[in-house]
Protein backbone atom coordinates (compact mmCIF):
# COMPACT_ATOMS: atom_id res chain seq x y z
CA UNK A 1 15.11 -11.79 7.19
CA UNK A 2 16.08 -12.04 10.85
CA UNK A 3 17.09 -9.40 13.34
CA UNK A 4 19.95 -10.35 15.66
CA UNK A 5 23.17 -9.02 17.21
CA UNK A 6 24.83 -8.84 13.79
CA UNK A 7 22.36 -6.25 12.53
CA UNK A 8 18.92 -5.72 11.03
CA UNK A 9 18.87 -6.52 7.28
CA UNK A 10 15.26 -5.32 6.99
CA UNK A 11 16.25 -1.74 7.86
CA UNK A 12 19.11 -1.87 5.35
CA UNK A 13 16.78 -3.17 2.63
CA UNK A 14 14.29 -0.41 3.38
CA UNK A 15 17.02 2.17 2.92
CA UNK A 16 18.25 0.55 -0.28
CA UNK A 17 14.77 0.36 -1.83
CA UNK A 18 13.56 3.79 -0.67
CA UNK A 19 13.82 6.19 -3.63
CA UNK A 20 14.55 9.14 -1.31
CA UNK A 21 17.55 7.41 0.30
CA UNK A 22 19.04 5.00 -2.21
CA UNK A 23 20.86 7.80 -4.10
CA UNK A 24 23.16 8.27 -1.11
CA UNK A 25 22.95 4.90 0.62
CA UNK A 26 25.68 4.67 3.26
CA UNK A 27 26.80 1.21 4.26
CA UNK A 28 28.00 0.94 7.86
CA UNK A 29 30.75 -1.49 6.91
CA UNK A 30 32.55 0.35 4.10
CA UNK A 31 31.55 3.85 5.34
CA UNK A 32 31.23 5.23 1.78
CA UNK A 33 28.03 6.61 0.20
CA UNK A 34 26.84 4.45 -2.72
CA UNK A 35 24.40 5.45 -5.48
CA UNK A 36 21.93 2.60 -5.87
CA UNK A 37 19.24 4.56 -7.74
CA UNK A 38 19.96 2.74 -11.03
CA UNK A 39 20.10 -0.74 -9.48
CA UNK A 40 17.40 -3.40 -9.68
CA UNK A 41 17.28 -5.92 -6.85
CA UNK A 42 15.91 -9.43 -7.33
CA UNK A 43 15.16 -11.50 -4.24
CA UNK A 44 13.57 -14.91 -3.73
CA UNK A 45 11.60 -16.22 -0.78
CA UNK A 46 9.75 -19.38 0.16
CA UNK A 47 7.03 -17.33 1.86
CA UNK A 48 6.10 -13.66 2.11
CA UNK A 49 4.54 -14.06 5.57
CA UNK A 50 7.85 -13.43 7.36
CA UNK A 51 8.68 -10.28 5.35
CA UNK A 52 7.87 -7.12 7.37
CA UNK A 53 4.91 -5.17 5.93
CA UNK A 54 6.83 -1.88 5.27
CA UNK A 55 9.42 -3.79 3.20
CA UNK A 56 6.83 -5.92 1.41
CA UNK A 57 5.00 -2.72 0.43
CA UNK A 58 8.08 -1.60 -1.56
CA UNK A 59 8.42 -4.88 -3.46
CA UNK A 60 6.78 -6.06 -6.65
CA UNK A 61 5.87 -9.67 -5.87
CA UNK A 62 5.75 -12.27 -8.65
CA UNK A 63 4.21 -15.47 -7.32
CA UNK A 64 5.36 -18.75 -8.86
CA UNK A 65 3.21 -21.43 -7.23
CA UNK A 66 3.89 -24.50 -9.30
CA UNK A 67 5.38 -25.87 -12.50
CA UNK A 68 2.92 -27.22 -15.06
CA UNK A 69 3.20 -30.89 -16.07
CA UNK A 70 4.70 -29.82 -19.39
CA UNK A 71 7.36 -27.75 -17.62
CA UNK A 72 8.16 -30.63 -15.26
CA UNK A 73 8.56 -32.95 -18.25
CA UNK A 74 11.00 -30.54 -19.93
CA UNK A 75 12.98 -30.12 -16.70
CA UNK A 76 13.13 -33.89 -16.20
CA UNK A 77 14.27 -34.62 -19.79
CA UNK A 78 16.84 -31.83 -20.03
CA UNK A 79 18.23 -31.72 -16.50
CA UNK A 80 17.08 -34.28 -13.94
CA UNK A 81 17.53 -37.49 -15.94
CA UNK A 82 21.06 -36.64 -17.22
CA UNK A 83 22.03 -35.46 -13.72
CA UNK A 84 20.82 -38.66 -12.02
CA UNK A 85 22.35 -40.93 -14.69
CA UNK A 86 25.73 -39.28 -14.14
CA UNK A 87 25.32 -39.41 -10.37
CA UNK A 88 24.67 -43.17 -10.50
CA UNK A 89 27.48 -43.93 -12.95
CA UNK A 90 25.19 -44.79 -15.85
CA UNK A 91 25.50 -43.87 -19.52
CA UNK A 92 22.55 -42.89 -21.70
CA UNK A 93 23.24 -46.01 -23.77
CA UNK A 94 22.75 -48.18 -20.66
CA UNK A 95 19.56 -46.70 -19.23
CA UNK A 96 16.76 -44.88 -21.03
CA UNK A 97 13.71 -43.42 -19.30
CA UNK A 98 11.01 -42.97 -21.94
CA UNK A 99 8.83 -39.88 -22.17
CA UNK A 100 5.59 -41.74 -21.40
CA UNK A 101 7.23 -43.10 -18.23
CA UNK A 102 8.20 -39.58 -17.16
CA UNK A 103 4.63 -38.37 -17.76
CA UNK A 104 3.27 -41.21 -15.62
CA UNK A 105 5.86 -40.42 -12.94
CA UNK A 106 4.76 -36.77 -12.87
CA UNK A 107 0.99 -37.36 -12.77
CA UNK A 108 0.69 -40.55 -10.70
CA UNK A 109 3.73 -40.66 -8.39
CA UNK A 110 4.89 -37.12 -7.59
CA UNK A 111 2.07 -34.61 -7.33
CA UNK A 112 3.95 -31.54 -6.04
CA UNK A 113 4.55 -27.89 -6.87
CA UNK A 114 8.30 -28.35 -7.43
CA UNK A 115 10.47 -31.16 -8.79
CA UNK A 116 12.29 -32.45 -5.67
CA UNK A 117 10.27 -35.65 -5.33
CA UNK A 118 10.41 -36.12 -9.09
CA UNK A 119 14.21 -36.07 -8.93
CA UNK A 120 14.18 -38.55 -6.03
CA UNK A 121 11.99 -40.98 -7.96
CA UNK A 122 14.19 -40.66 -11.06
CA UNK A 123 17.16 -41.43 -8.82
CA UNK A 124 15.32 -44.51 -7.54
CA UNK A 125 14.75 -45.67 -11.14
CA UNK A 126 18.47 -45.18 -11.87
CA UNK A 127 19.53 -47.24 -8.82
CA UNK A 128 17.20 -50.10 -9.72
CA UNK A 129 18.38 -49.94 -13.34
CA UNK A 130 22.01 -50.05 -12.16
CA UNK A 131 21.20 -53.18 -10.11
CA UNK A 132 19.75 -54.89 -13.20
CA UNK A 133 22.84 -53.96 -15.24
CA UNK A 134 25.17 -55.34 -12.55
CA UNK A 135 23.14 -58.56 -12.58
CA UNK A 136 23.88 -58.97 -16.29
CA UNK A 137 21.24 -56.99 -18.22
CA UNK A 138 22.97 -54.95 -20.93
CA UNK A 139 20.43 -52.12 -21.26
CA UNK A 140 17.38 -50.99 -19.30
CA UNK A 141 14.48 -49.22 -21.06
CA UNK A 142 12.12 -47.76 -18.48
CA UNK A 143 8.60 -47.59 -19.90
CA UNK A 144 5.29 -47.36 -18.06
CA UNK A 145 5.20 -51.09 -17.24
CA UNK A 146 8.80 -51.17 -16.02
CA UNK A 147 8.17 -48.02 -13.96
CA UNK A 148 5.19 -49.66 -12.20
CA UNK A 149 7.28 -52.78 -11.51
CA UNK A 150 10.07 -50.65 -10.03
CA UNK A 151 8.05 -48.12 -8.01
CA UNK A 152 4.91 -50.09 -7.22
CA UNK A 153 1.28 -48.94 -7.48
CA UNK A 154 0.48 -45.33 -8.38
CA UNK A 155 0.25 -42.97 -5.40
CA UNK A 156 -2.21 -40.59 -7.08
CA UNK A 157 -5.15 -41.78 -9.17
CA UNK A 158 -6.16 -39.34 -11.94
CA UNK A 159 -9.73 -38.06 -12.15
CA UNK A 160 -12.19 -40.16 -14.10
CA UNK A 161 -14.69 -38.43 -16.36
CA UNK A 162 -17.99 -40.31 -16.32
CA UNK A 163 -20.00 -40.57 -19.54
CA UNK A 164 -23.43 -40.44 -17.90
CA UNK A 165 -24.83 -37.81 -15.53
CA UNK A 166 -25.77 -39.02 -12.06
CA UNK A 167 -28.65 -37.72 -9.96
CA UNK A 168 -27.41 -35.98 -6.82
CA UNK A 169 -23.84 -35.57 -8.08
CA UNK A 170 -22.34 -32.36 -9.41
CA UNK A 171 -18.80 -31.83 -10.70
CA UNK A 172 -16.84 -28.91 -9.29
CA UNK A 173 -13.38 -27.61 -10.15
CA UNK A 174 -10.74 -27.00 -7.51
CA UNK A 175 -7.49 -25.07 -7.70
CA UNK A 176 -4.60 -25.99 -5.43
CA UNK A 177 -0.90 -25.16 -5.39
CA UNK A 178 -0.35 -28.69 -6.77
CA UNK A 179 -2.55 -27.99 -9.80
CA UNK A 180 -6.19 -28.39 -10.76
CA UNK A 181 -8.49 -31.11 -9.52
CA UNK A 182 -12.08 -32.21 -9.95
CA UNK A 183 -14.52 -32.41 -7.05
CA UNK A 184 -17.43 -34.86 -7.18
CA UNK A 185 -19.94 -33.38 -4.77
CA UNK A 186 -22.77 -35.69 -3.74
CA UNK A 187 -26.00 -34.91 -1.95
CA UNK A 188 -29.03 -36.90 -0.78
CA UNK A 189 -32.31 -35.92 0.83
CA UNK A 190 -34.20 -37.71 3.61
CA UNK A 191 -36.85 -37.02 6.20
CA UNK A 192 -35.63 -34.71 8.91
CA UNK A 193 -36.07 -31.29 10.47
CA UNK A 194 -35.05 -29.15 7.52
CA UNK A 195 -31.38 -28.80 8.38
CA UNK A 196 -28.64 -28.89 5.76
CA UNK A 197 -25.74 -31.06 6.95
CA UNK A 198 -22.41 -30.25 5.30
CA UNK A 199 -19.69 -32.86 5.79
CA UNK A 200 -15.97 -32.62 5.24
CA UNK A 201 -13.64 -29.65 5.69
CA UNK A 202 -15.57 -27.17 3.57
CA UNK A 203 -14.60 -23.54 3.29
CA UNK A 204 -17.06 -20.65 3.61
CA UNK A 205 -17.46 -20.34 -0.17
CA UNK A 206 -18.45 -24.02 -0.51
CA UNK A 207 -20.90 -23.72 2.39
CA UNK A 208 -22.44 -20.65 0.78
CA UNK A 209 -22.79 -22.55 -2.53
CA UNK A 210 -24.74 -25.33 -0.80
CA UNK A 211 -27.11 -22.82 0.83
CA UNK A 212 -27.50 -20.97 -2.48
CA UNK A 213 -28.49 -24.26 -4.16
CA UNK A 214 -31.09 -24.85 -1.44
CA UNK A 215 -32.48 -21.33 -1.91
CA UNK A 216 -32.66 -21.83 -5.69
CA UNK A 217 -34.70 -25.04 -5.30
CA UNK A 218 -37.09 -23.33 -2.88
CA UNK A 219 -37.55 -20.46 -5.31
CA UNK A 220 -38.16 -22.70 -8.36
CA UNK A 221 -39.91 -25.63 -6.68
CA UNK A 222 -42.95 -25.34 -9.00
CA UNK A 223 -40.96 -25.59 -12.23
CA UNK A 224 -38.78 -28.33 -10.76
CA UNK A 225 -41.73 -30.37 -9.55
CA UNK A 226 -40.60 -30.29 -5.93
CA UNK A 227 -42.87 -30.13 -2.88
CA UNK A 228 -42.81 -26.49 -1.65
CA UNK A 229 -42.53 -27.69 1.96
CA UNK A 230 -39.65 -30.09 1.25
CA UNK A 231 -37.14 -27.94 3.18
CA UNK A 232 -39.06 -28.10 6.43
CA UNK A 233 -39.15 -31.88 6.75
């Protein structure tokens, strides 16, 4: 929504969405009152930060941060693969991208909240398949091995769940707009002046968790078998 010499769409939207005014909304172009009281408006936006506060207050916002892996797989099978095959002049009988290859493509090559990069990588697979067909191969079946040969090493390595607990390591869970992730948080103690050093770009909540852990140990040092003065040195 931008305000320029052609007008101010924000003011028009405020009028349209205001219950007191939308029954007799008057458009400056057609100069006729319009009853919009029974209308429902649906709008999309990449971000709500640029929407003026008075207008945002009148909207019901439904946030759609990311597709799940299952949704991406369905979109790829039903839409992206047929679209890219057609775009590259290939028939389904000439090139087949298997489901396990699509899953690997989603989890290890295109970690994103949408499907743009996924479509690009599928297009890359189609081009390389077309090259093989031109060179004389009758049909290309893209499985996990073929996908790695075509696209190279995985860009994202999935989390590994360790069987044994490790001293000084705790597993945390993280939520991002790209999906969930596991955090392996490590700590070690050494002689010093009692300061807690926090490395990395930690947010306030993570910093507070580290201090809470320190306070818990100080409180329960007897039951944990820890020197009560450990925090000072």
